Amino acid sequence: MTAQAQTAPTILRRKQVEARTGLARSTIYQHVRAGTFPAPISLGAKSVGWIEAEVNAWLEARIDDSRKA
């Protein structure tokens, strides 16, 4: 396996993002429009995905915020 293959980002599809965050599709897109959730990347004409590391960072930030409250 090449070094490039090992560092390739993992892409999550919408259903995976919904399952991981507990958010509904409409809520995810509301947050994307508001700039408070990572924007999806285009995977093709009619498909998008989210970079796993960005979603994980968003989740970590939400956890940190809730622990401070």
PDB file of N, CA and C in Angstrom:
ATOM      1  N   MET A   1       0.856  -1.179   0.000  1.00  0.00           N
ATOM      2  CA  MET A   1       0.000   0.000   0.000  1.00  0.00           C
ATOM      3  C   MET A   1       0.896   1.235   0.000  1.00  0.00           C
ATOM      4  N   THR A   2       0.564   2.198  -0.821  1.00  0.00           N
ATOM      5  CA  THR A   2       1.372   3.403  -0.917  1.00  0.00           C
ATOM      6  C   THR A   2       1.041   4.368   0.209  1.00  0.00           C
ATOM      7  N   ALA A   3       1.946   5.295   0.455  1.00  0.00           N
ATOM      8  CA  ALA A   3       1.722   6.305   1.490  1.00  0.00           C
ATOM      9  C   ALA A   3       0.503   7.154   1.158  1.00  0.00           C
ATOM     10  N   GLN A   4       0.312   7.431  -0.139  1.00  0.00           N
ATOM     11  CA  GLN A   4      -0.824   8.255  -0.542  1.00  0.00           C
ATOM     12  C   GLN A   4      -2.143   7.548  -0.216  1.00  0.00           C
ATOM     13  N   ALA A   5      -2.219   6.252  -0.433  1.00  0.00           N
ATOM     14  CA  ALA A   5      -3.439   5.511  -0.145  1.00  0.00           C
ATOM     15  C   ALA A   5      -3.731   5.499   1.354  1.00  0.00           C
ATOM     16  N   GLN A   6      -2.703   5.488   2.171  1.00  0.00           N
ATOM     17  CA  GLN A   6      -2.896   5.474   3.616  1.00  0.00           C
ATOM     18  C   GLN A   6      -3.413   6.814   4.137  1.00  0.00           C
ATOM     19  N   THR A   7      -3.110   7.899   3.463  1.00  0.00           N
ATOM     20  CA  THR A   7      -3.523   9.211   3.939  1.00  0.00           C
ATOM     21  C   THR A   7      -4.751   9.747   3.200  1.00  0.00           C
ATOM     22  N   ALA A   8      -5.314   8.959   2.319  1.00  0.00           N
ATOM     23  CA  ALA A   8      -6.496   9.405   1.584  1.00  0.00           C
ATOM     24  C   ALA A   8      -7.646   9.629   2.564  1.00  0.00           C
ATOM     25  N   PRO A   9      -8.363  10.736   2.415  1.00  0.00           N
ATOM     26  CA  PRO A   9      -9.476  11.003   3.338  1.00  0.00           C
ATOM     27  C   PRO A   9     -10.610  10.003   3.139  1.00  0.00           C
ATOM     28  N   THR A  10     -11.284   9.707   4.224  1.00  0.00           N
ATOM     29  CA  THR A  10     -12.456   8.847   4.166  1.00  0.00           C
ATOM     30  C   THR A  10     -13.664   9.735   3.919  1.00  0.00           C
ATOM     31  N   ILE A  11     -14.488   9.329   2.981  1.00  0.00           N
ATOM     32  CA  ILE A  11     -15.689  10.088   2.628  1.00  0.00           C
ATOM     33  C   ILE A  11     -16.907   9.392   3.230  1.00  0.00           C
ATOM     34  N   LEU A  12     -17.730  10.158   3.899  1.00  0.00           N
ATOM     35  CA  LEU A  12     -18.983   9.646   4.461  1.00  0.00           C
ATOM     36  C   LEU A  12     -20.141  10.089   3.586  1.00  0.00           C
ATOM     37  N   ARG A  13     -21.040   9.183   3.320  1.00  0.00           N
ATOM     38  CA  ARG A  13     -22.250   9.528   2.587  1.00  0.00           C
ATOM     39  C   ARG A  13     -23.272  10.091   3.571  1.00  0.00           C
ATOM     40  N   ARG A  14     -24.321  10.689   3.037  1.00  0.00           N
ATOM     41  CA  ARG A  14     -25.295  11.400   3.878  1.00  0.00           C
ATOM     42  C   ARG A  14     -25.872  10.519   4.977  1.00  0.00           C
ATOM     43  N   LYS A  15     -26.260   9.303   4.657  1.00  0.00           N
ATOM     44  CA  LYS A  15     -26.850   8.410   5.667  1.00  0.00           C
ATOM     45  C   LYS A  15     -25.859   8.140   6.795  1.00  0.00           C
ATOM     46  N   GLN A  16     -24.585   8.030   6.455  1.00  0.00           N
ATOM     47  CA  GLN A  16     -23.564   7.819   7.475  1.00  0.00           C
ATOM     48  C   GLN A  16     -23.412   9.055   8.353  1.00  0.00           C
ATOM     49  N   VAL A  17     -23.484  10.234   7.740  1.00  0.00           N
ATOM     50  CA  VAL A  17     -23.391  11.484   8.504  1.00  0.00           C
ATOM     51  C   VAL A  17     -24.597  11.601   9.432  1.00  0.00           C
ATOM     52  N   GLU A  18     -25.768  11.267   8.928  1.00  0.00           N
ATOM     53  CA  GLU A  18     -26.975  11.303   9.754  1.00  0.00           C
ATOM     54  C   GLU A  18     -26.821  10.369  10.953  1.00  0.00           C
ATOM     55  N   ALA A  19     -26.350   9.149  10.708  1.00  0.00           N
ATOM     56  CA  ALA A  19     -26.196   8.173  11.787  1.00  0.00           C
ATOM     57  C   ALA A  19     -25.150   8.626  12.801  1.00  0.00           C
ATOM     58  N   ARG A  20     -24.063   9.193  12.314  1.00  0.00           N
ATOM     59  CA  ARG A  20     -22.967   9.595  13.196  1.00  0.00           C
ATOM     60  C   ARG A  20     -23.331  10.809  14.039  1.00  0.00           C
ATOM     61  N   THR A  21     -24.068  11.758  13.459  1.00  0.00           N
ATOM     62  CA  THR A  21     -24.375  13.001  14.171  1.00  0.00           C
ATOM     63  C   THR A  21     -25.722  12.963  14.889  1.00  0.00           C
ATOM     64  N   GLY A  22     -26.616  12.108  14.441  1.00  0.00           N
ATOM     65  CA  GLY A  22     -27.961  12.080  14.999  1.00  0.00           C
ATOM     66  C   GLY A  22     -28.849  13.172  14.430  1.00  0.00           C
ATOM     67  N   LEU A  23     -28.367  13.868  13.389  1.00  0.00           N
ATOM     68  CA  LEU A  23     -29.132  14.948  12.764  1.00  0.00           C
ATOM     69  C   LEU A  23     -29.889  14.434  11.549  1.00  0.00           C
ATOM     70  N   ALA A  24     -31.029  15.036  11.283  1.00  0.00           N
ATOM     71  CA  ALA A  24     -31.805  14.715  10.086  1.00  0.00           C
ATOM     72  C   ALA A  24     -31.181  15.410   8.880  1.00  0.00           C
ATOM     73  N   ARG A  25     -31.515  14.928   7.700  1.00  0.00           N
ATOM     74  CA  ARG A  25     -30.989  15.495   6.455  1.00  0.00           C
ATOM     75  C   ARG A  25     -31.231  16.995   6.377  1.00  0.00           C
ATOM     76  N   SER A  26     -32.463  17.414   6.657  1.00  0.00           N
ATOM     77  CA  SER A  26     -32.789  18.838   6.542  1.00  0.00           C
ATOM     78  C   SER A  26     -31.985  19.679   7.534  1.00  0.00           C
ATOM     79  N   THR A  27     -31.750  19.154   8.715  1.00  0.00           N
ATOM     80  CA  THR A  27     -30.978  19.875   9.725  1.00  0.00           C
ATOM     81  C   THR A  27     -29.520  19.995   9.312  1.00  0.00           C
ATOM     82  N   ILE A  28     -28.971  18.930   8.740  1.00  0.00           N
ATOM     83  CA  ILE A  28     -27.591  18.974   8.251  1.00  0.00           C
ATOM     84  C   ILE A  28     -27.454  20.088   7.226  1.00  0.00           C
ATOM     85  N   TYR A  29     -28.354  20.125   6.259  1.00  0.00           N
ATOM     86  CA  TYR A  29     -28.264  21.139   5.212  1.00  0.00           C
ATOM     87  C   TYR A  29     -28.532  22.548   5.738  1.00  0.00           C
ATOM     88  N   GLN A  30     -29.370  22.689   6.761  1.00  0.00           N
ATOM     89  CA  GLN A  30     -29.567  24.003   7.395  1.00  0.00           C
ATOM     90  C   GLN A  30     -28.258  24.479   8.007  1.00  0.00           C
ATOM     91  N   HIS A  31     -27.569  23.579   8.700  1.00  0.00           N
ATOM     92  CA  HIS A  31     -26.284  23.925   9.311  1.00  0.00           C
ATOM     93  C   HIS A  31     -25.235  24.231   8.253  1.00  0.00           C
ATOM     94  N   VAL A  32     -25.245  23.494   7.139  1.00  0.00           N
ATOM     95  CA  VAL A  32     -24.303  23.770   6.052  1.00  0.00           C
ATOM     96  C   VAL A  32     -24.543  25.174   5.515  1.00  0.00           C
ATOM     97  N   ARG A  33     -25.821  25.524   5.256  1.00  0.00           N
ATOM     98  CA  ARG A  33     -26.152  26.858   4.742  1.00  0.00           C
ATOM     99  C   ARG A  33     -25.740  27.958   5.717  1.00  0.00           C
ATOM    100  N   ALA A  34     -25.869  27.668   7.007  1.00  0.00           N
ATOM    101  CA  ALA A  34     -25.512  28.650   8.028  1.00  0.00           C
ATOM    102  C   ALA A  34     -24.000  28.723   8.261  1.00  0.00           C
ATOM    103  N   GLY A  35     -23.274  27.780   7.690  1.00  0.00           N
ATOM    104  CA  GLY A  35     -21.834  27.754   7.872  1.00  0.00           C
ATOM    105  C   GLY A  35     -21.394  27.139   9.186  1.00  0.00           C
ATOM    106  N   THR A  36     -22.295  26.407   9.829  1.00  0.00           N
ATOM    107  CA  THR A  36     -21.981  25.809  11.123  1.00  0.00           C
ATOM    108  C   THR A  36     -21.757  24.306  11.051  1.00  0.00           C
ATOM    109  N   PHE A  37     -21.702  23.758   9.853  1.00  0.00           N
ATOM    110  CA  PHE A  37     -21.426  22.333   9.648  1.00  0.00           C
ATOM    111  C   PHE A  37     -20.585  22.223   8.387  1.00  0.00           C
ATOM    112  N   PRO A  38     -19.672  21.262   8.339  1.00  0.00           N
ATOM    113  CA  PRO A  38     -18.822  21.128   7.147  1.00  0.00           C
ATOM    114  C   PRO A  38     -19.655  20.957   5.872  1.00  0.00           C
ATOM    115  N   ALA A  39     -19.224  21.618   4.824  1.00  0.00           N
ATOM    116  CA  ALA A  39     -19.910  21.514   3.536  1.00  0.00           C
ATOM    117  C   ALA A  39     -19.558  20.185   2.874  1.00  0.00           C
ATOM    118  N   PRO A  40     -20.511  19.619   2.152  1.00  0.00           N
ATOM    119  CA  PRO A  40     -20.213  18.379   1.433  1.00  0.00           C
ATOM    120  C   PRO A  40     -19.347  18.659   0.211  1.00  0.00           C
ATOM    121  N   ILE A  41     -18.715  17.606  -0.278  1.00  0.00           N
ATOM    122  CA  ILE A  41     -17.953  17.703  -1.523  1.00  0.00           C
ATOM    123  C   ILE A  41     -18.694  16.933  -2.593  1.00  0.00           C
ATOM    124  N   SER A  42     -18.565  17.359  -3.819  1.00  0.00           N
ATOM    125  CA  SER A  42     -19.217  16.699  -4.937  1.00  0.00           C
ATOM    126  C   SER A  42     -18.453  15.433  -5.297  1.00  0.00           C
ATOM    127  N   LEU A  43     -19.181  14.341  -5.424  1.00  0.00           N
ATOM    128  CA  LEU A  43     -18.589  13.059  -5.826  1.00  0.00           C
ATOM    129  C   LEU A  43     -18.993  12.680  -7.236  1.00  0.00           C
ATOM    130  N   GLY A  44     -19.916  13.412  -7.785  1.00  0.00           N
ATOM    131  CA  GLY A  44     -20.412  13.132  -9.126  1.00  0.00           C
ATOM    132  C   GLY A  44     -21.599  14.018  -9.408  1.00  0.00           C
ATOM    133  N   ALA A  45     -22.284  13.729 -10.488  1.00  0.00           N
ATOM    134  CA  ALA A  45     -23.398  14.569 -10.913  1.00  0.00           C
ATOM    135  C   ALA A  45     -24.489  14.693  -9.855  1.00  0.00           C
ATOM    136  N   LYS A  46     -24.784  13.612  -9.169  1.00  0.00           N
ATOM    137  CA  LYS A  46     -25.878  13.634  -8.200  1.00  0.00           C
ATOM    138  C   LYS A  46     -25.493  13.015  -6.868  1.00  0.00           C
ATOM    139  N   SER A  47     -24.224  13.082  -6.514  1.00  0.00           N
ATOM    140  CA  SER A  47     -23.826  12.505  -5.233  1.00  0.00           C
ATOM    141  C   SER A  47     -22.823  13.408  -4.530  1.00  0.00           C
ATOM    142  N   VAL A  48     -22.962  13.449  -3.218  1.00  0.00           N
ATOM    143  CA  VAL A  48     -22.053  14.233  -2.390  1.00  0.00           C
ATOM    144  C   VAL A  48     -21.611  13.377  -1.212  1.00  0.00           C
ATOM    145  N   GLY A  49     -20.574  13.833  -0.564  1.00  0.00           N
ATOM    146  CA  GLY A  49     -20.092  13.166   0.634  1.00  0.00           C
ATOM    147  C   GLY A  49     -19.402  14.186   1.522  1.00  0.00           C
ATOM    148  N   TRP A  50     -19.153  13.796   2.739  1.00  0.00           N
ATOM    149  CA  TRP A  50     -18.485  14.653   3.701  1.00  0.00           C
ATOM    150  C   TRP A  50     -17.162  14.016   4.082  1.00  0.00           C
ATOM    151  N   ILE A  51     -16.164  14.837   4.304  1.00  0.00           N
ATOM    152  CA  ILE A  51     -14.869  14.332   4.742  1.00  0.00           C
ATOM    153  C   ILE A  51     -14.999  13.947   6.213  1.00  0.00           C
ATOM    154  N   GLU A  52     -14.674  12.699   6.499  1.00  0.00           N
ATOM    155  CA  GLU A  52     -14.862  12.157   7.843  1.00  0.00           C
ATOM    156  C   GLU A  52     -14.152  12.987   8.902  1.00  0.00           C
ATOM    157  N   ALA A  53     -12.940  13.410   8.638  1.00  0.00           N
ATOM    158  CA  ALA A  53     -12.176  14.183   9.625  1.00  0.00           C
ATOM    159  C   ALA A  53     -12.886  15.492   9.968  1.00  0.00           C
ATOM    160  N   GLU A  54     -13.525  16.124   8.982  1.00  0.00           N
ATOM    161  CA  GLU A  54     -14.250  17.376   9.244  1.00  0.00           C
ATOM    162  C   GLU A  54     -15.489  17.126  10.096  1.00  0.00           C
ATOM    163  N   VAL A  55     -16.195  16.042   9.813  1.00  0.00           N
ATOM    164  CA  VAL A  55     -17.381  15.689  10.608  1.00  0.00           C
ATOM    165  C   VAL A  55     -16.952  15.354  12.035  1.00  0.00           C
ATOM    166  N   ASN A  56     -15.862  14.592  12.169  1.00  0.00           N
ATOM    167  CA  ASN A  56     -15.367  14.252  13.502  1.00  0.00           C
ATOM    168  C   ASN A  56     -14.960  15.497  14.280  1.00  0.00           C
ATOM    169  N   ALA A  57     -14.316  16.454  13.611  1.00  0.00           N
ATOM    170  CA  ALA A  57     -13.914  17.696  14.273  1.00  0.00           C
ATOM    171  C   ALA A  57     -15.149  18.474  14.733  1.00  0.00           C
ATOM    172  N   TRP A  58     -16.188  18.488  13.902  1.00  0.00           N
ATOM    173  CA  TRP A  58     -17.428  19.165  14.261  1.00  0.00           C
ATOM    174  C   TRP A  58     -18.032  18.513  15.510  1.00  0.00           C
ATOM    175  N   LEU A  59     -18.054  17.174  15.526  1.00  0.00           N
ATOM    176  CA  LEU A  59     -18.589  16.453  16.681  1.00  0.00           C
ATOM    177  C   LEU A  59     -17.774  16.748  17.942  1.00  0.00           C
ATOM    178  N   GLU A  60     -16.459  16.739  17.832  1.00  0.00           N
ATOM    179  CA  GLU A  60     -15.595  17.029  18.975  1.00  0.00           C
ATOM    180  C   GLU A  60     -15.866  18.434  19.519  1.00  0.00           C
ATOM    181  N   ALA A  61     -16.062  19.388  18.619  1.00  0.00           N
ATOM    182  CA  ALA A  61     -16.358  20.758  19.047  1.00  0.00           C
ATOM    183  C   ALA A  61     -17.693  20.818  19.786  1.00  0.00           C
ATOM    184  N   ARG A  62     -18.704  20.073  19.303  1.00  0.00           N
ATOM    185  CA  ARG A  62     -19.995  20.050  19.989  1.00  0.00           C
ATOM    186  C   ARG A  62     -19.848  19.430  21.371  1.00  0.00           C
ATOM    187  N   ILE A  63     -19.046  18.373  21.490  1.00  0.00           N
ATOM    188  CA  ILE A  63     -18.819  17.736  22.791  1.00  0.00           C
ATOM    189  C   ILE A  63     -18.128  18.716  23.732  1.00  0.00           C
ATOM    190  N   ASP A  64     -17.088  19.384  23.234  1.00  0.00           N
ATOM    191  CA  ASP A  64     -16.364  20.367  24.062  1.00  0.00           C
ATOM    192  C   ASP A  64     -17.298  21.473  24.520  1.00  0.00           C
ATOM    193  N   ASP A  65     -18.132  21.984  23.609  1.00  0.00           N
ATOM    194  CA  ASP A  65     -19.083  23.043  23.976  1.00  0.00           C
ATOM    195  C   ASP A  65     -20.055  22.576  25.046  1.00  0.00           C
ATOM    196  N   SER A  66     -20.539  21.356  24.934  1.00  0.00           N
ATOM    197  CA  SER A  66     -21.529  20.863  25.902  1.00  0.00           C
ATOM    198  C   SER A  66     -20.884  20.606  27.265  1.00  0.00           C
ATOM    199  N   ARG A  67     -19.614  20.272  27.296  1.00  0.00           N
ATOM    200  CA  ARG A  67     -18.932  20.033  28.571  1.00  0.00           C
ATOM    201  C   ARG A  67     -18.643  21.338  29.304  1.00  0.00           C
ATOM    202  N   LYS A  68     -18.504  22.433  28.555  1.00  0.00           N
ATOM    203  CA  LYS A  68     -18.247  23.736  29.171  1.00  0.00           C
ATOM    204  C   LYS A  68     -19.505  24.343  29.766  1.00  0.00           C
ATOM    205  N   ALA A  69     -20.663  23.949  29.241  1.00  0.00           N
ATOM    206  CA  ALA A  69     -21.929  24.554  29.655  1.00  0.00           C
ATOM    207  C   ALA A  69     -22.339  24.147  31.062  1.00  0.00           C
TER     208      ALA A  69
END
